[in-house]
């Protein structure tokens, strides 16, 4: 066996952890992009 069960579990946990961080970053970027677009739209309307 390549992995001991503990080692394999560790790898899976690490993969899930990294995936979680990536998901959070995508989520934050999406929120930021939406807010930025709203801001720009608001500014444009405000200074039109």
C-alpha atoms as a PDB file:
ATOM      1  CA  UNK A   1       0.000   0.000   0.000  1.00  0.00           C
ATOM      2  CA  UNK A   2       1.310   3.410  -0.964  1.00  0.00           C
ATOM      3  CA  UNK A   3      -0.383   5.321   1.838  1.00  0.00           C
ATOM      4  CA  UNK A   4      -0.975   4.278   5.379  1.00  0.00           C
ATOM      5  CA  UNK A   5      -4.596   4.995   6.191  1.00  0.00           C
ATOM      6  CA  UNK A   6      -3.576   7.920   8.374  1.00  0.00           C
ATOM      7  CA  UNK A   7      -1.378   9.392   5.631  1.00  0.00           C
ATOM      8  CA  UNK A   8      -4.138   9.043   3.082  1.00  0.00           C
ATOM      9  CA  UNK A   9      -6.596  10.742   5.401  1.00  0.00           C
ATOM     10  CA  UNK A  10      -4.112  13.559   5.908  1.00  0.00           C
ATOM     11  CA  UNK A  11      -3.775  14.059   2.154  1.00  0.00           C
ATOM     12  CA  UNK A  12      -7.561  14.119   1.760  1.00  0.00           C
ATOM     13  CA  UNK A  13      -7.906  16.626   4.601  1.00  0.00           C
ATOM     14  CA  UNK A  14      -5.229  18.830   3.080  1.00  0.00           C
ATOM     15  CA  UNK A  15      -6.916  18.692  -0.335  1.00  0.00           C
ATOM     16  CA  UNK A  16     -10.252  19.640   1.236  1.00  0.00           C
ATOM     17  CA  UNK A  17      -8.555  22.467   3.142  1.00  0.00           C
ATOM     18  CA  UNK A  18      -6.944  23.876  -0.019  1.00  0.00           C
ATOM     19  CA  UNK A  19     -10.218  23.517  -1.922  1.00  0.00           C
ATOM     20  CA  UNK A  20     -12.001  25.384   0.854  1.00  0.00           C
ATOM     21  CA  UNK A  21      -9.511  28.274   0.655  1.00  0.00           C
ATOM     22  CA  UNK A  22      -9.866  28.423  -3.132  1.00  0.00           C
ATOM     23  CA  UNK A  23     -13.657  28.424  -2.856  1.00  0.00           C
ATOM     24  CA  UNK A  24     -13.510  31.238  -0.303  1.00  0.00           C
ATOM     25  CA  UNK A  25     -11.192  33.251  -2.556  1.00  0.00           C
ATOM     26  CA  UNK A  26     -13.498  32.792  -5.544  1.00  0.00           C
ATOM     27  CA  UNK A  27     -16.451  33.785  -3.353  1.00  0.00           C
ATOM     28  CA  UNK A  28     -14.653  36.881  -2.035  1.00  0.00           C
ATOM     29  CA  UNK A  29     -13.560  37.851  -5.570  1.00  0.00           C
ATOM     30  CA  UNK A  30     -17.130  37.469  -6.808  1.00  0.00           C
ATOM     31  CA  UNK A  31     -18.457  39.668  -3.990  1.00  0.00           C
ATOM     32  CA  UNK A  32     -15.675  42.202  -4.534  1.00  0.00           C
ATOM     33  CA  UNK A  33     -16.287  42.318  -8.290  1.00  0.00           C
ATOM     34  CA  UNK A  34     -20.025  42.781  -7.716  1.00  0.00           C
ATOM     35  CA  UNK A  35     -19.438  45.531  -5.159  1.00  0.00           C
ATOM     36  CA  UNK A  36     -16.911  47.210  -7.444  1.00  0.00           C
ATOM     37  CA  UNK A  37     -19.373  47.126 -10.338  1.00  0.00           C
ATOM     38  CA  UNK A  38     -22.108  48.562  -8.093  1.00  0.00           C
ATOM     39  CA  UNK A  39     -19.734  51.253  -6.880  1.00  0.00           C
ATOM     40  CA  UNK A  40     -18.731  52.261 -10.383  1.00  0.00           C
ATOM     41  CA  UNK A  41     -22.368  52.296 -11.446  1.00  0.00           C
ATOM     42  CA  UNK A  42     -23.258  54.374  -8.397  1.00  0.00           C
ATOM     43  CA  UNK A  43     -20.427  56.816  -9.079  1.00  0.00           C
ATOM     44  CA  UNK A  44     -21.412  57.126 -12.725  1.00  0.00           C
ATOM     45  CA  UNK A  45     -25.021  57.846 -11.787  1.00  0.00           C
ATOM     46  CA  UNK A  46     -23.929  60.253  -9.032  1.00  0.00           C
ATOM     47  CA  UNK A  47     -21.616  62.282 -11.250  1.00  0.00           C
ATOM     48  CA  UNK A  48     -23.650  62.048 -14.469  1.00  0.00           C
END
